[in-house]
Amino acid sequence: MEAIAKAKYARYSARKVGQVLGLIRGKSVAKAFGMLPTVPRAAGVLVFKTLKSAYANSGAANPESVFVSKAWVDLGPSLKRVRPMAMGGRGIYKRKMCHVTIVVSDSRVSKKG
């Protein structure tokens, strides 16, 4: 059985969240819960909360028997902001956002189909 959880419009760069998701993909939920608090990235908190939600959605009693079968991140909309520059100009920069999706299941790797 599969369970899914999504975190949308998170104020993190998709690349940085993807690095954290790469660490937990394919591992058991119990092992991932042990790893995430020690990850030196701010996105670890977001991934921990999303994984906790996916595990709760699965309804399983033992976190050792549930695995992170799929985990991915998609780009969200960017907030365009302006910073003052020299001689009255402006520099435009973007605040990145992302959508995180985590799927947990009874098997390590989800079957395609």
PDB file of N, CA and C in Angstrom:
ATOM      1  N   MET A   1       0.825  -1.176   0.000  1.00  0.00           N
ATOM      2  CA  MET A   1       0.000   0.000   0.000  1.00  0.00           C
ATOM      3  C   MET A   1       0.878   1.251   0.000  1.00  0.00           C
ATOM      4  N   GLU A   2       0.486   2.228  -0.765  1.00  0.00           N
ATOM      5  CA  GLU A   2       1.242   3.476  -0.851  1.00  0.00           C
ATOM      6  C   GLU A   2       0.489   4.606  -0.158  1.00  0.00           C
ATOM      7  N   ALA A   3       1.232   5.527   0.405  1.00  0.00           N
ATOM      8  CA  ALA A   3       0.680   6.742   0.985  1.00  0.00           C
ATOM      9  C   ALA A   3       1.529   7.908   0.497  1.00  0.00           C
ATOM     10  N   ILE A   4       0.895   9.045   0.293  1.00  0.00           N
ATOM     11  CA  ILE A   4       1.576  10.193  -0.311  1.00  0.00           C
ATOM     12  C   ILE A   4       1.368  11.429   0.557  1.00  0.00           C
ATOM     13  N   ALA A   5       2.363  12.315   0.549  1.00  0.00           N
ATOM     14  CA  ALA A   5       2.249  13.609   1.225  1.00  0.00           C
ATOM     15  C   ALA A   5       2.947  14.650   0.372  1.00  0.00           C
ATOM     16  N   LYS A   6       2.356  15.835   0.314  1.00  0.00           N
ATOM     17  CA  LYS A   6       2.917  16.928  -0.479  1.00  0.00           C
ATOM     18  C   LYS A   6       3.067  18.177   0.377  1.00  0.00           C
ATOM     19  N   ALA A   7       4.125  18.912   0.116  1.00  0.00           N
ATOM     20  CA  ALA A   7       4.322  20.234   0.713  1.00  0.00           C
ATOM     21  C   ALA A   7       4.460  21.203  -0.452  1.00  0.00           C
ATOM     22  N   LYS A   8       3.499  22.087  -0.605  1.00  0.00           N
ATOM     23  CA  LYS A   8       3.499  22.991  -1.753  1.00  0.00           C
ATOM     24  C   LYS A   8       3.904  24.399  -1.324  1.00  0.00           C
ATOM     25  N   TYR A   9       4.480  25.118  -2.256  1.00  0.00           N
ATOM     26  CA  TYR A   9       4.891  26.515  -2.091  1.00  0.00           C
ATOM     27  C   TYR A   9       5.847  26.696  -0.915  1.00  0.00           C
ATOM     28  N   ALA A  10       6.788  25.783  -0.773  1.00  0.00           N
ATOM     29  CA  ALA A  10       7.796  25.882   0.284  1.00  0.00           C
ATOM     30  C   ALA A  10       8.878  26.860  -0.160  1.00  0.00           C
ATOM     31  N   ARG A  11       9.327  27.712   0.736  1.00  0.00           N
ATOM     32  CA  ARG A  11      10.289  28.757   0.404  1.00  0.00           C
ATOM     33  C   ARG A  11      11.726  28.245   0.483  1.00  0.00           C
ATOM     34  N   TYR A  12      12.012  27.207  -0.297  1.00  0.00           N
ATOM     35  CA  TYR A  12      13.354  26.643  -0.391  1.00  0.00           C
ATOM     36  C   TYR A  12      13.675  26.449  -1.862  1.00  0.00           C
ATOM     37  N   SER A  13      14.932  26.478  -2.196  1.00  0.00           N
ATOM     38  CA  SER A  13      15.359  26.182  -3.551  1.00  0.00           C
ATOM     39  C   SER A  13      15.179  24.688  -3.823  1.00  0.00           C
ATOM     40  N   ALA A  14      14.699  24.364  -5.015  1.00  0.00           N
ATOM     41  CA  ALA A  14      14.440  22.965  -5.359  1.00  0.00           C
ATOM     42  C   ALA A  14      15.725  22.141  -5.347  1.00  0.00           C
ATOM     43  N   ARG A  15      16.820  22.736  -5.727  1.00  0.00           N
ATOM     44  CA  ARG A  15      18.089  22.010  -5.757  1.00  0.00           C
ATOM     45  C   ARG A  15      18.530  21.591  -4.351  1.00  0.00           C
ATOM     46  N   LYS A  16      18.366  22.480  -3.386  1.00  0.00           N
ATOM     47  CA  LYS A  16      18.788  22.182  -2.018  1.00  0.00           C
ATOM     48  C   LYS A  16      17.882  21.144  -1.365  1.00  0.00           C
ATOM     49  N   VAL A  17      16.587  21.203  -1.663  1.00  0.00           N
ATOM     50  CA  VAL A  17      15.666  20.198  -1.132  1.00  0.00           C
ATOM     51  C   VAL A  17      15.945  18.848  -1.787  1.00  0.00           C
ATOM     52  N   GLY A  18      16.281  18.859  -3.067  1.00  0.00           N
ATOM     53  CA  GLY A  18      16.591  17.613  -3.779  1.00  0.00           C
ATOM     54  C   GLY A  18      17.791  16.889  -3.205  1.00  0.00           C
ATOM     55  N   GLN A  19      18.754  17.636  -2.701  1.00  0.00           N
ATOM     56  CA  GLN A  19      19.921  17.021  -2.073  1.00  0.00           C
ATOM     57  C   GLN A  19      19.533  16.266  -0.806  1.00  0.00           C
ATOM     58  N   VAL A  20      18.599  16.816  -0.042  1.00  0.00           N
ATOM     59  CA  VAL A  20      18.148  16.152   1.182  1.00  0.00           C
ATOM     60  C   VAL A  20      17.299  14.926   0.830  1.00  0.00           C
ATOM     61  N   LEU A  21      16.449  15.049  -0.191  1.00  0.00           N
ATOM     62  CA  LEU A  21      15.611  13.919  -0.591  1.00  0.00           C
ATOM     63  C   LEU A  21      16.454  12.754  -1.101  1.00  0.00           C
ATOM     64  N   GLY A  22      17.575  13.055  -1.726  1.00  0.00           N
ATOM     65  CA  GLY A  22      18.461  12.000  -2.202  1.00  0.00           C
ATOM     66  C   GLY A  22      19.031  11.152  -1.080  1.00  0.00           C
ATOM     67  N   LEU A  23      19.136  11.723   0.111  1.00  0.00           N
ATOM     68  CA  LEU A  23      19.666  10.982   1.255  1.00  0.00           C
ATOM     69  C   LEU A  23      18.678   9.956   1.792  1.00  0.00           C
ATOM     70  N   ILE A  24      17.376  10.233   1.710  1.00  0.00           N
ATOM     71  CA  ILE A  24      16.395   9.344   2.335  1.00  0.00           C
ATOM     72  C   ILE A  24      15.706   8.410   1.352  1.00  0.00           C
ATOM     73  N   ARG A  25      15.869   8.637   0.063  1.00  0.00           N
ATOM     74  CA  ARG A  25      15.168   7.828  -0.937  1.00  0.00           C
ATOM     75  C   ARG A  25      15.600   6.365  -0.838  1.00  0.00           C
ATOM     76  N   GLY A  26      14.625   5.438  -0.697  1.00  0.00           N
ATOM     77  CA  GLY A  26      14.895   4.013  -0.625  1.00  0.00           C
ATOM     78  C   GLY A  26      15.158   3.479   0.774  1.00  0.00           C
ATOM     79  N   LYS A  27      15.257   4.353   1.764  1.00  0.00           N
ATOM     80  CA  LYS A  27      15.526   3.923   3.135  1.00  0.00           C
ATOM     81  C   LYS A  27      14.215   3.700   3.894  1.00  0.00           C
ATOM     82  N   SER A  28      14.300   3.026   5.019  1.00  0.00           N
ATOM     83  CA  SER A  28      13.112   2.851   5.850  1.00  0.00           C
ATOM     84  C   SER A  28      12.784   4.184   6.521  1.00  0.00           C
ATOM     85  N   VAL A  29      11.525   4.322   6.900  1.00  0.00           N
ATOM     86  CA  VAL A  29      11.090   5.573   7.523  1.00  0.00           C
ATOM     87  C   VAL A  29      11.792   5.777   8.865  1.00  0.00           C
ATOM     88  N   ALA A  30      12.007   4.710   9.609  1.00  0.00           N
ATOM     89  CA  ALA A  30      12.691   4.827  10.899  1.00  0.00           C
ATOM     90  C   ALA A  30      14.123   5.331  10.715  1.00  0.00           C
ATOM     91  N   LYS A  31      14.806   4.818   9.705  1.00  0.00           N
ATOM     92  CA  LYS A  31      16.181   5.249   9.431  1.00  0.00           C
ATOM     93  C   LYS A  31      16.204   6.711   8.974  1.00  0.00           C
ATOM     94  N   ALA A  32      15.220   7.099   8.150  1.00  0.00           N
ATOM     95  CA  ALA A  32      15.138   8.480   7.676  1.00  0.00           C
ATOM     96  C   ALA A  32      14.834   9.439   8.816  1.00  0.00           C
ATOM     97  N   PHE A  33      13.944   9.032   9.746  1.00  0.00           N
ATOM     98  CA  PHE A  33      13.659   9.871  10.909  1.00  0.00           C
ATOM     99  C   PHE A  33      14.907  10.077  11.756  1.00  0.00           C
ATOM    100  N   GLY A  34      15.768   9.090  11.819  1.00  0.00           N
ATOM    101  CA  GLY A  34      17.010   9.217  12.573  1.00  0.00           C
ATOM    102  C   GLY A  34      18.042  10.093  11.891  1.00  0.00           C
ATOM    103  N   MET A  35      18.040  10.089  10.557  1.00  0.00           N
ATOM    104  CA  MET A  35      19.029  10.853   9.795  1.00  0.00           C
ATOM    105  C   MET A  35      18.695  12.333   9.679  1.00  0.00           C
ATOM    106  N   LEU A  36      17.432  12.665   9.445  1.00  0.00           N
ATOM    107  CA  LEU A  36      17.060  14.030   9.070  1.00  0.00           C
ATOM    108  C   LEU A  36      17.394  15.111  10.103  1.00  0.00           C
ATOM    109  N   PRO A  37      17.270  14.868  11.402  1.00  0.00           N
ATOM    110  CA  PRO A  37      17.639  15.949  12.343  1.00  0.00           C
ATOM    111  C   PRO A  37      19.122  16.320  12.303  1.00  0.00           C
ATOM    112  N   THR A  38      19.973  15.440  11.795  1.00  0.00           N
ATOM    113  CA  THR A  38      21.406  15.735  11.762  1.00  0.00           C
ATOM    114  C   THR A  38      21.876  16.265  10.413  1.00  0.00           C
ATOM    115  N   VAL A  39      20.984  16.405   9.441  1.00  0.00           N
ATOM    116  CA  VAL A  39      21.358  16.911   8.120  1.00  0.00           C
ATOM    117  C   VAL A  39      21.654  18.406   8.229  1.00  0.00           C
ATOM    118  N   PRO A  40      22.814  18.860   7.748  1.00  0.00           N
ATOM    119  CA  PRO A  40      23.172  20.280   7.894  1.00  0.00           C
ATOM    120  C   PRO A  40      22.541  21.171   6.817  1.00  0.00           C
ATOM    121  N   ARG A  41      21.254  21.040   6.594  1.00  0.00           N
ATOM    122  CA  ARG A  41      20.521  21.863   5.635  1.00  0.00           C
ATOM    123  C   ARG A  41      19.226  22.317   6.284  1.00  0.00           C
ATOM    124  N   ALA A  42      18.816  23.539   6.016  1.00  0.00           N
ATOM    125  CA  ALA A  42      17.556  24.050   6.560  1.00  0.00           C
ATOM    126  C   ALA A  42      16.368  23.294   5.987  1.00  0.00           C
ATOM    127  N   ALA A  43      16.504  22.760   4.785  1.00  0.00           N
ATOM    128  CA  ALA A  43      15.412  22.022   4.148  1.00  0.00           C
ATOM    129  C   ALA A  43      15.146  20.689   4.831  1.00  0.00           C
ATOM    130  N   GLY A  44      16.025  20.245   5.717  1.00  0.00           N
ATOM    131  CA  GLY A  44      15.813  19.001   6.443  1.00  0.00           C
ATOM    132  C   GLY A  44      14.557  19.038   7.296  1.00  0.00           C
ATOM    133  N   VAL A  45      14.215  20.201   7.836  1.00  0.00           N
ATOM    134  CA  VAL A  45      13.009  20.344   8.648  1.00  0.00           C
ATOM    135  C   VAL A  45      11.764  20.153   7.785  1.00  0.00           C
ATOM    136  N   LEU A  46      11.755  20.740   6.600  1.00  0.00           N
ATOM    137  CA  LEU A  46      10.628  20.592   5.675  1.00  0.00           C
ATOM    138  C   LEU A  46      10.453  19.140   5.254  1.00  0.00           C
ATOM    139  N   VAL A  47      11.539  18.467   4.920  1.00  0.00           N
ATOM    140  CA  VAL A  47      11.475  17.069   4.499  1.00  0.00           C
ATOM    141  C   VAL A  47      11.027  16.188   5.664  1.00  0.00           C
ATOM    142  N   PHE A  48      11.479  16.483   6.880  1.00  0.00           N
ATOM    143  CA  PHE A  48      11.072  15.709   8.056  1.00  0.00           C
ATOM    144  C   PHE A  48       9.563  15.804   8.272  1.00  0.00           C
ATOM    145  N   LYS A  49       9.016  17.018   8.187  1.00  0.00           N
ATOM    146  CA  LYS A  49       7.583  17.201   8.396  1.00  0.00           C
ATOM    147  C   LYS A  49       6.764  16.513   7.308  1.00  0.00           C
ATOM    148  N   THR A  50       7.221  16.583   6.067  1.00  0.00           N
ATOM    149  CA  THR A  50       6.507  15.951   4.968  1.00  0.00           C
ATOM    150  C   THR A  50       6.569  14.431   5.085  1.00  0.00           C
ATOM    151  N   LEU A  51       7.720  13.897   5.476  1.00  0.00           N
ATOM    152  CA  LEU A  51       7.857  12.452   5.671  1.00  0.00           C
ATOM    153  C   LEU A  51       6.979  11.980   6.831  1.00  0.00           C
ATOM    154  N   LYS A  52       6.912  12.762   7.890  1.00  0.00           N
ATOM    155  CA  LYS A  52       6.064  12.415   9.030  1.00  0.00           C
ATOM    156  C   LYS A  52       4.596  12.362   8.612  1.00  0.00           C
ATOM    157  N   SER A  53       4.188  13.284   7.758  1.00  0.00           N
ATOM    158  CA  SER A  53       2.822  13.295   7.254  1.00  0.00           C
ATOM    159  C   SER A  53       2.543  12.083   6.368  1.00  0.00           C
ATOM    160  N   ALA A  54       3.493  11.737   5.509  1.00  0.00           N
ATOM    161  CA  ALA A  54       3.318  10.569   4.637  1.00  0.00           C
ATOM    162  C   ALA A  54       3.220   9.290   5.455  1.00  0.00           C
ATOM    163  N   TYR A  55       4.026   9.171   6.500  1.00  0.00           N
ATOM    164  CA  TYR A  55       3.986   7.998   7.362  1.00  0.00           C
ATOM    165  C   TYR A  55       2.646   7.920   8.105  1.00  0.00           C
ATOM    166  N   ALA A  56       2.157   9.057   8.569  1.00  0.00           N
ATOM    167  CA  ALA A  56       0.859   9.076   9.250  1.00  0.00           C
ATOM    168  C   ALA A  56      -0.266   8.710   8.284  1.00  0.00           C
ATOM    169  N   ASN A  57      -0.150   9.131   7.025  1.00  0.00           N
ATOM    170  CA  ASN A  57      -1.161   8.792   6.024  1.00  0.00           C
ATOM    171  C   ASN A  57      -1.170   7.299   5.712  1.00  0.00           C
ATOM    172  N   SER A  58      -0.038   6.628   5.896  1.00  0.00           N
ATOM    173  CA  SER A  58       0.030   5.200   5.589  1.00  0.00           C
ATOM    174  C   SER A  58      -0.719   4.363   6.619  1.00  0.00           C
ATOM    175  N   GLY A  59      -0.803   4.831   7.841  1.00  0.00           N
ATOM    176  CA  GLY A  59      -1.512   4.111   8.889  1.00  0.00           C
ATOM    177  C   GLY A  59      -0.763   2.905   9.417  1.00  0.00           C
ATOM    178  N   ALA A  60       0.500   2.762   9.076  1.00  0.00           N
ATOM    179  CA  ALA A  60       1.297   1.622   9.543  1.00  0.00           C
ATOM    180  C   ALA A  60       1.696   1.823  11.004  1.00  0.00           C
ATOM    181  N   ALA A  61       1.833   0.715  11.723  1.00  0.00           N
ATOM    182  CA  ALA A  61       2.192   0.787  13.140  1.00  0.00           C
ATOM    183  C   ALA A  61       3.702   0.824  13.349  1.00  0.00           C
ATOM    184  N   ASN A  62       4.460   0.170  12.461  1.00  0.00           N
ATOM    185  CA  ASN A  62       5.900   0.043  12.644  1.00  0.00           C
ATOM    186  C   ASN A  62       6.635   0.825  11.547  1.00  0.00           C
ATOM    187  N   PRO A  63       7.423   1.850  11.911  1.00  0.00           N
ATOM    188  CA  PRO A  63       8.146   2.603  10.884  1.00  0.00           C
ATOM    189  C   PRO A  63       9.270   1.814  10.216  1.00  0.00           C
ATOM    190  N   GLU A  64       9.688   0.692  10.813  1.00  0.00           N
ATOM    191  CA  GLU A  64      10.728  -0.146  10.206  1.00  0.00           C
ATOM    192  C   GLU A  64      10.211  -0.859   8.956  1.00  0.00           C
ATOM    193  N   SER A  65       8.885  -1.085   8.882  1.00  0.00           N
ATOM    194  CA  SER A  65       8.312  -1.846   7.770  1.00  0.00           C
ATOM    195  C   SER A  65       7.854  -0.969   6.620  1.00  0.00           C
ATOM    196  N   VAL A  66       7.998   0.351   6.743  1.00  0.00           N
ATOM    197  CA  VAL A  66       7.576   1.286   5.699  1.00  0.00           C
ATOM    198  C   VAL A  66       8.822   1.949   5.124  1.00  0.00           C
ATOM    199  N   PHE A  67       8.866   2.064   3.790  1.00  0.00           N
ATOM    200  CA  PHE A  67      10.032   2.615   3.103  1.00  0.00           C
ATOM    201  C   PHE A  67       9.654   3.837   2.277  1.00  0.00           C
ATOM    202  N   VAL A  68      10.631   4.716   2.062  1.00  0.00           N
ATOM    203  CA  VAL A  68      10.444   5.865   1.180  1.00  0.00           C
ATOM    204  C   VAL A  68      10.659   5.351  -0.242  1.00  0.00           C
ATOM    205  N   SER A  69       9.573   5.075  -0.951  1.00  0.00           N
ATOM    206  CA  SER A  69       9.703   4.484  -2.282  1.00  0.00           C
ATOM    207  C   SER A  69       9.989   5.544  -3.345  1.00  0.00           C
ATOM    208  N   LYS A  70       9.350   6.704  -3.249  1.00  0.00           N
ATOM    209  CA  LYS A  70       9.600   7.791  -4.193  1.00  0.00           C
ATOM    210  C   LYS A  70       9.676   9.101  -3.419  1.00  0.00           C
ATOM    211  N   ALA A  71      10.518   9.986  -3.872  1.00  0.00           N
ATOM    212  CA  ALA A  71      10.617  11.328  -3.292  1.00  0.00           C
ATOM    213  C   ALA A  71      11.161  12.257  -4.361  1.00  0.00           C
ATOM    214  N   TRP A  72      10.419  13.317  -4.653  1.00  0.00           N
ATOM    215  CA  TRP A  72      10.895  14.247  -5.675  1.00  0.00           C
ATOM    216  C   TRP A  72      10.474  15.670  -5.331  1.00  0.00           C
ATOM    217  N   VAL A  73      11.085  16.603  -6.023  1.00  0.00           N
ATOM    218  CA  VAL A  73      10.810  18.020  -5.812  1.00  0.00           C
ATOM    219  C   VAL A  73      10.612  18.674  -7.179  1.00  0.00           C
ATOM    220  N   ASP A  74       9.634  19.546  -7.258  1.00  0.00           N
ATOM    221  CA  ASP A  74       9.336  20.291  -8.479  1.00  0.00           C
ATOM    222  C   ASP A  74       9.503  21.782  -8.215  1.00  0.00           C
ATOM    223  N   LEU A  75       9.756  22.527  -9.272  1.00  0.00           N
ATOM    224  CA  LEU A  75       9.874  23.975  -9.148  1.00  0.00           C
ATOM    225  C   LEU A  75       8.507  24.597  -8.913  1.00  0.00           C
ATOM    226  N   GLY A  76       8.473  25.586  -8.043  1.00  0.00           N
ATOM    227  CA  GLY A  76       7.260  26.365  -7.824  1.00  0.00           C
ATOM    228  C   GLY A  76       7.432  27.734  -8.470  1.00  0.00           C
ATOM    229  N   PRO A  77       6.481  28.608  -8.271  1.00  0.00           N
ATOM    230  CA  PRO A  77       6.613  29.952  -8.829  1.00  0.00           C
ATOM    231  C   PRO A  77       7.694  30.747  -8.100  1.00  0.00           C
ATOM    232  N   SER A  78       8.302  31.675  -8.800  1.00  0.00           N
ATOM    233  CA  SER A  78       9.330  32.516  -8.192  1.00  0.00           C
ATOM    234  C   SER A  78       8.741  33.866  -7.835  1.00  0.00           C
ATOM    235  N   LEU A  79       9.123  34.385  -6.678  1.00  0.00           N
ATOM    236  CA  LEU A  79       8.732  35.733  -6.300  1.00  0.00           C
ATOM    237  C   LEU A  79       9.799  36.683  -6.827  1.00  0.00           C
ATOM    238  N   LYS A  80       9.392  37.635  -7.648  1.00  0.00           N
ATOM    239  CA  LYS A  80      10.351  38.594  -8.197  1.00  0.00           C
ATOM    240  C   LYS A  80      10.479  39.766  -7.234  1.00  0.00           C
ATOM    241  N   ARG A  81      11.717  40.103  -6.885  1.00  0.00           N
ATOM    242  CA  ARG A  81      11.988  41.196  -5.968  1.00  0.00           C
ATOM    243  C   ARG A  81      13.011  42.137  -6.580  1.00  0.00           C
ATOM    244  N   VAL A  82      13.062  43.367  -6.065  1.00  0.00           N
ATOM    245  CA  VAL A  82      13.941  44.393  -6.618  1.00  0.00           C
ATOM    246  C   VAL A  82      14.862  44.908  -5.519  1.00  0.00           C
ATOM    247  N   ARG A  83      16.133  45.060  -5.872  1.00  0.00           N
ATOM    248  CA  ARG A  83      17.127  45.588  -4.951  1.00  0.00           C
ATOM    249  C   ARG A  83      17.720  46.861  -5.573  1.00  0.00           C
ATOM    250  N   PRO A  84      17.874  47.941  -4.812  1.00  0.00           N
ATOM    251  CA  PRO A  84      18.481  49.161  -5.370  1.00  0.00           C
ATOM    252  C   PRO A  84      19.932  48.934  -5.802  1.00  0.00           C
ATOM    253  N   MET A  85      20.290  49.496  -6.930  1.00  0.00           N
ATOM    254  CA  MET A  85      21.643  49.359  -7.458  1.00  0.00           C
ATOM    255  C   MET A  85      22.253  50.754  -7.649  1.00  0.00           C
ATOM    256  N   ALA A  86      23.438  50.780  -8.193  1.00  0.00           N
ATOM    257  CA  ALA A  86      24.162  52.035  -8.381  1.00  0.00           C
ATOM    258  C   ALA A  86      23.468  52.923  -9.408  1.00  0.00           C
ATOM    259  N   MET A  87      23.599  54.234  -9.213  1.00  0.00           N
ATOM    260  CA  MET A  87      23.093  55.266 -10.117  1.00  0.00           C
ATOM    261  C   MET A  87      21.582  55.138 -10.356  1.00  0.00           C
ATOM    262  N   GLY A  88      20.839  54.786  -9.337  1.00  0.00           N
ATOM    263  CA  GLY A  88      19.379  54.755  -9.427  1.00  0.00           C
ATOM    264  C   GLY A  88      18.807  53.558 -10.158  1.00  0.00           C
ATOM    265  N   GLY A  89      19.645  52.602 -10.465  1.00  0.00           N
ATOM    266  CA  GLY A  89      19.138  51.417 -11.174  1.00  0.00           C
ATOM    267  C   GLY A  89      18.515  50.414 -10.215  1.00  0.00           C
ATOM    268  N   ARG A  90      18.078  49.310 -10.775  1.00  0.00           N
ATOM    269  CA  ARG A  90      17.515  48.271  -9.926  1.00  0.00           C
ATOM    270  C   ARG A  90      18.012  46.911 -10.384  1.00  0.00           C
ATOM    271  N   GLY A  91      18.203  46.056  -9.443  1.00  0.00           N
ATOM    272  CA  GLY A  91      18.605  44.685  -9.736  1.00  0.00           C
ATOM    273  C   GLY A  91      17.471  43.749  -9.339  1.00  0.00           C
ATOM    274  N   ILE A  92      17.026  42.935 -10.256  1.00  0.00           N
ATOM    275  CA  ILE A  92      15.917  42.019  -9.992  1.00  0.00           C
ATOM    276  C   ILE A  92      16.483  40.666  -9.567  1.00  0.00           C
ATOM    277  N   TYR A  93      15.970  40.122  -8.485  1.00  0.00           N
ATOM    278  CA  TYR A  93      16.368  38.783  -8.045  1.00  0.00           C
ATOM    279  C   TYR A  93      15.111  37.990  -7.721  1.00  0.00           C
ATOM    280  N   LYS A  94      15.246  36.675  -7.672  1.00  0.00           N
ATOM    281  CA  LYS A  94      14.092  35.802  -7.484  1.00  0.00           C
ATOM    282  C   LYS A  94      14.193  35.045  -6.167  1.00  0.00           C
ATOM    283  N   ARG A  95      13.069  34.958  -5.473  1.00  0.00           N
ATOM    284  CA  ARG A  95      12.945  34.115  -4.290  1.00  0.00           C
ATOM    285  C   ARG A  95      12.339  32.795  -4.757  1.00  0.00           C
ATOM    286  N   LYS A  96      13.100  31.726  -4.619  1.00  0.00           N
ATOM    287  CA  LYS A  96      12.673  30.437  -5.175  1.00  0.00           C
ATOM    288  C   LYS A  96      11.651  29.753  -4.270  1.00  0.00           C
ATOM    289  N   MET A  97      10.779  28.960  -4.902  1.00  0.00           N
ATOM    290  CA  MET A  97       9.821  28.118  -4.189  1.00  0.00           C
ATOM    291  C   MET A  97       9.818  26.733  -4.819  1.00  0.00           C
ATOM    292  N   CYS A  98       9.334  25.747  -4.076  1.00  0.00           N
ATOM    293  CA  CYS A  98       9.299  24.387  -4.603  1.00  0.00           C
ATOM    294  C   CYS A  98       8.112  23.619  -4.032  1.00  0.00           C
ATOM    295  N   HIS A  99       7.805  22.497  -4.687  1.00  0.00           N
ATOM    296  CA  HIS A  99       6.768  21.573  -4.241  1.00  0.00           C
ATOM    297  C   HIS A  99       7.441  20.229  -3.966  1.00  0.00           C
ATOM    298  N   VAL A 100       7.292  19.709  -2.750  1.00  0.00           N
ATOM    299  CA  VAL A 100       7.922  18.453  -2.343  1.00  0.00           C
ATOM    300  C   VAL A 100       6.852  17.360  -2.292  1.00  0.00           C
ATOM    301  N   THR A 101       7.164  16.193  -2.855  1.00  0.00           N
ATOM    302  CA  THR A 101       6.260  15.046  -2.812  1.00  0.00           C
ATOM    303  C   THR A 101       7.037  13.834  -2.305  1.00  0.00           C
ATOM    304  N   ILE A 102       6.474  13.154  -1.303  1.00  0.00           N
ATOM    305  CA  ILE A 102       7.086  11.949  -0.751  1.00  0.00           C
ATOM    306  C   ILE A 102       6.047  10.836  -0.752  1.00  0.00           C
ATOM    307  N   VAL A 103       6.434   9.668  -1.292  1.00  0.00           N
ATOM    308  CA  VAL A 103       5.570   8.501  -1.324  1.00  0.00           C
ATOM    309  C   VAL A 103       6.231   7.400  -0.496  1.00  0.00           C
ATOM    310  N   VAL A 104       5.485   6.866   0.463  1.00  0.00           N
ATOM    311  CA  VAL A 104       5.974   5.742   1.264  1.00  0.00           C
ATOM    312  C   VAL A 104       5.133   4.510   0.951  1.00  0.00           C
ATOM    313  N   SER A 105       5.776   3.340   1.011  1.00  0.00           N
ATOM    314  CA  SER A 105       5.057   2.101   0.726  1.00  0.00           C
ATOM    315  C   SER A 105       5.692   0.951   1.494  1.00  0.00           C
ATOM    316  N   ASP A 106       5.086  -0.238   1.337  1.00  0.00           N
ATOM    317  CA  ASP A 106       5.577  -1.426   2.026  1.00  0.00           C
ATOM    318  C   ASP A 106       6.840  -1.973   1.389  1.00  0.00           C
ATOM    319  N   SER A 107       7.054  -1.687   0.113  1.00  0.00           N
ATOM    320  CA  SER A 107       8.251  -2.178  -0.576  1.00  0.00           C
ATOM    321  C   SER A 107       9.241  -1.043  -0.759  1.00  0.00           C
ATOM    322  N   ARG A 108      10.519  -1.397  -0.952  1.00  0.00           N
ATOM    323  CA  ARG A 108      11.557  -0.378  -1.077  1.00  0.00           C
ATOM    324  C   ARG A 108      11.387   0.498  -2.311  1.00  0.00           C
ATOM    325  N   VAL A 109      11.151  -0.128  -3.454  1.00  0.00           N
ATOM    326  CA  VAL A 109      11.032   0.615  -4.698  1.00  0.00           C
ATOM    327  C   VAL A 109       9.616   0.428  -5.233  1.00  0.00           C
ATOM    328  N   SER A 110       9.012   1.536  -5.590  1.00  0.00           N
ATOM    329  CA  SER A 110       7.643   1.476  -6.094  1.00  0.00           C
ATOM    330  C   SER A 110       7.611   0.863  -7.492  1.00  0.00           C
ATOM    331  N   LYS A 111       6.590   0.085  -7.754  1.00  0.00           N
ATOM    332  CA  LYS A 111       6.433  -0.539  -9.073  1.00  0.00           C
ATOM    333  C   LYS A 111       5.897   0.479 -10.055  1.00  0.00           C
ATOM    334  N   LYS A 112       6.475   0.520 -11.229  1.00  0.00           N
ATOM    335  CA  LYS A 112       6.013   1.464 -12.249  1.00  0.00           C
ATOM    336  C   LYS A 112       4.832   0.842 -12.975  1.00  0.00           C
ATOM    337  N   GLY A 113       3.919   1.668 -13.385  1.00  0.00           N
ATOM    338  CA  GLY A 113       2.810   1.119 -14.122  1.00  0.00           C
ATOM    339  C   GLY A 113       1.637   1.948 -13.952  1.00  0.00           C
TER     340      GLY A 113
END
